[in-house]
């Protein structure tokens, strides 16, 4: 019986225009404040660590008498990025359970949510490939991860903005 409630907008508040408040001040079907803060913080730290690495790697290599070497801050930034990425994957699972399942019946956010989810999956799989491949597969994964990663905030902003524009 509880499972059927997830798929009935009139029961779970995920239908069009529903903004009924529940415990914690969040609208039913929206993310709880603590989860939303965690998602925003993790996403920002993930993007900043990746973007900083890109700047250091491509624009600030270390000059030596033997030629350019990687910037000494690249390795620590990648460690931070990888650690935060583990948290991001955990949060994606949590959001799927807490947000996506209750909002799936609403057509209003589905397209931007699918775009955001697809972006996250591309980043997860290309990041995995960066860790476990070499040669041309590694190069292709690097290019995909860098390009998708730089523009990932646009998918998040589009989803957030779409939610706010009609709310």
Foldseek 3Di string as FASTA:
>chain_A
DVLVLLQDCVNQVQEPPRQDADPQRGGRLDDRPVLVVLLVVLLVLLLVLLVVLVCQQPPNFDQDPVGTHRDPCNVVSVVSNVVSLVVNVVSVVVCCVRHCSNNVNYPQQVVLVVVLVVLNVLLVVLVVQCVPDDDPSNVVSVVSNSVSSNCSVVSVVVSVCSVVVRD
